[in-house]
Each structure stands twice: as C-alpha cells, then as structure tokens.
Amino acid sequence: VQLQASGGGLVQAGGSLRLSCAAPRMISSVFNPNTMGWYRQAPGKERELVAESIGNGTTNYGESVKGRFTISRDNARKRVYLQMNNLKPEDTAVYYCWSSWYKSWGRGTLVTVSS
C-alpha cells in the first residue's frame, strides 16, 4: 500500500477528528518536496480538494473548510495530517490522501458527521 489513511469515524456536528496518512514506502528525499493532500468525495458528488501541503511549506484549502481544517506534515515520519474542527454534516464524505509523487489516492477513510 502506497498511502495509508486513517482516523475517520462518526462524530457529532461541532466535533473534531484528526486524519492521518502515512507513506511508508516513500523515501524521505522524495517525500519532503512532494505535495501531499486530502481530497473528499461525498455521495453523488465529485471528488474535491480539501487541503494540500506543498513541499515548500505552502498550504492551500478548499473554500468550505478554511478556518476549520488544518493540514500539517511530519517529514521525518513521512506523514500528513488533517485536523478537522467544527465539523458539519456537509463534511460527511470519504476522505482520500493524495501524493503528487504517486499521482494517486490511497484507500479512503469515511468521515460521518451527524446533526
């Protein structure tokens, strides 16, 4: 498995979750400059960007999550995280980790936010 996402679950609106994605087979010299991101796909909707962390430290967020979600990365552990606060029912989706090196998504993790 190239990308291993975890941390999804069921949470009430207003709650928080932290997603984690590991890239155990990627060597550090590749991971560090590589863009890592989170996408999500809700039932009946297209996959959309949630957040991305570019190797130079720049981060970008989808409009709907700005101010609530934070992406971070630990290059030494080859992991990227997504801290999700003040979750809303419309955040319910399968969340996928993405790597610019692999140009693919890992297996998703389901986040369900109840109202």
Protein backbone atom coordinates (compact mmCIF):
# COMPACT_ATOMS: atom_id res chain seq x y z
CA VAL A 1 0.00 0.00 0.00
CA GLN A 2 1.45 3.33 -1.02
CA LEU A 3 -0.70 5.67 1.07
CA GLN A 4 -2.36 4.62 4.32
CA ALA A 5 -5.13 6.89 5.56
CA SER A 6 -6.76 6.50 8.95
CA GLY A 7 -8.70 8.41 11.57
CA GLY A 8 -12.17 8.59 10.12
CA GLY A 9 -15.27 7.89 12.12
CA LEU A 10 -18.61 9.13 13.34
CA VAL A 11 -18.76 12.47 15.12
CA GLN A 12 -21.46 14.94 16.06
CA ALA A 13 -21.68 18.32 14.43
CA GLY A 14 -19.27 20.72 16.08
CA GLY A 15 -16.87 17.95 16.94
CA SER A 16 -13.34 17.24 15.78
CA LEU A 17 -11.42 14.48 14.08
CA ARG A 18 -7.81 14.08 13.05
CA LEU A 19 -6.96 12.15 9.92
CA SER A 20 -3.53 10.70 9.31
CA CYS A 21 -1.86 9.49 6.15
CA ALA A 22 1.39 7.59 6.01
CA ALA A 23 3.63 6.99 3.00
CA PRO A 24 5.86 4.24 4.38
CA ARG A 25 7.39 3.22 1.08
CA MET A 26 8.36 6.72 0.00
CA ILE A 27 11.93 7.68 0.75
CA SER A 28 12.49 10.94 2.60
CA SER A 29 14.24 12.68 -0.27
CA VAL A 30 11.07 12.15 -2.29
CA PHE A 31 8.54 12.80 0.47
CA ASN A 32 9.93 16.12 1.61
CA PRO A 33 9.43 18.14 -1.61
CA ASN A 34 6.35 16.17 -2.58
CA THR A 35 2.88 17.70 -2.34
CA MET A 36 0.58 15.78 -0.03
CA GLY A 37 -3.10 16.50 0.06
CA TRP A 38 -6.51 15.46 1.21
CA TYR A 39 -9.49 15.14 -1.07
CA ARG A 40 -13.00 14.07 -0.26
CA GLN A 41 -15.95 12.66 -2.10
CA ALA A 42 -19.49 12.77 -0.82
CA PRO A 43 -22.21 10.51 -2.25
CA GLY A 44 -23.33 11.75 -5.63
CA LYS A 45 -20.68 14.45 -5.77
CA GLU A 46 -17.33 14.85 -7.45
CA ARG A 47 -14.10 14.46 -5.58
CA GLU A 48 -12.86 17.81 -4.33
CA LEU A 49 -9.72 19.23 -2.82
CA VAL A 50 -9.86 19.69 0.94
CA ALA A 51 -6.30 20.75 1.66
CA GLU A 52 -2.80 20.34 0.34
CA SER A 53 0.67 20.81 1.74
CA ILE A 54 3.33 21.67 -0.77
CA GLY A 55 6.92 20.74 -0.03
CA ASN A 56 7.98 24.39 0.28
CA GLY A 57 5.62 24.88 3.23
CA THR A 58 2.73 26.42 1.34
CA THR A 59 -0.72 25.14 2.21
CA ASN A 60 -3.97 25.51 0.29
CA TYR A 61 -7.52 24.84 1.40
CA GLY A 62 -10.87 24.36 -0.19
CA GLU A 63 -13.17 27.31 0.45
CA SER A 64 -15.64 25.32 2.51
CA VAL A 65 -13.06 24.22 5.08
CA LYS A 66 -10.98 27.35 5.51
CA GLY A 67 -10.69 28.32 9.15
CA ARG A 68 -11.88 24.91 10.34
CA PHE A 69 -9.39 22.41 8.94
CA THR A 70 -5.60 22.42 9.22
CA ILE A 71 -3.18 20.32 7.23
CA SER A 72 0.24 19.55 8.63
CA ARG A 73 3.06 17.19 7.82
CA ASP A 74 5.82 15.38 9.62
CA ASN A 75 8.55 14.80 7.08
CA ALA A 76 10.60 12.67 9.46
CA ARG A 77 7.70 10.27 9.85
CA LYS A 78 6.52 10.68 6.25
CA ARG A 79 3.05 11.52 7.42
CA VAL A 80 0.49 14.17 6.69
CA TYR A 81 -2.37 15.06 9.00
CA LEU A 82 -5.71 16.78 8.66
CA GLN A 83 -7.10 18.33 11.82
CA MET A 84 -10.81 18.92 11.34
CA ASN A 85 -12.62 21.14 13.81
CA ASN A 86 -16.17 22.39 13.99
CA LEU A 87 -17.32 19.61 11.72
CA LYS A 88 -20.58 20.00 9.85
CA PRO A 89 -22.91 17.39 8.37
CA GLU A 90 -21.87 18.56 4.90
CA ASP A 91 -18.32 17.41 5.70
CA THR A 92 -19.56 13.83 5.55
CA ALA A 93 -17.56 12.07 2.85
CA VAL A 94 -14.86 9.57 2.15
CA TYR A 95 -11.54 11.34 2.61
CA TYR A 96 -8.60 10.37 0.45
CA CYS A 97 -4.93 11.07 0.88
CA TRP A 98 -3.12 12.16 -2.26
CA SER A 99 0.51 12.37 -3.27
CA SER A 100 1.96 14.30 -6.19
CA TRP A 101 4.71 11.69 -6.41
CA TYR A 102 2.35 8.76 -6.77
CA LYS A 103 -0.25 10.88 -8.57
CA SER A 104 -2.88 8.73 -6.98
CA TRP A 105 -5.16 8.46 -3.99
CA GLY A 106 -4.82 5.92 -1.25
CA ARG A 107 -7.71 3.97 0.21
CA GLY A 108 -10.15 6.45 1.70
CA THR A 109 -11.37 6.82 5.24
CA LEU A 110 -15.02 7.58 5.94
CA VAL A 111 -15.99 10.62 7.98
CA THR A 112 -19.61 10.86 9.05
CA VAL A 113 -20.90 13.96 10.82
CA SER A 114 -24.31 13.68 12.44
CA SER A 115 -26.53 16.68 13.03
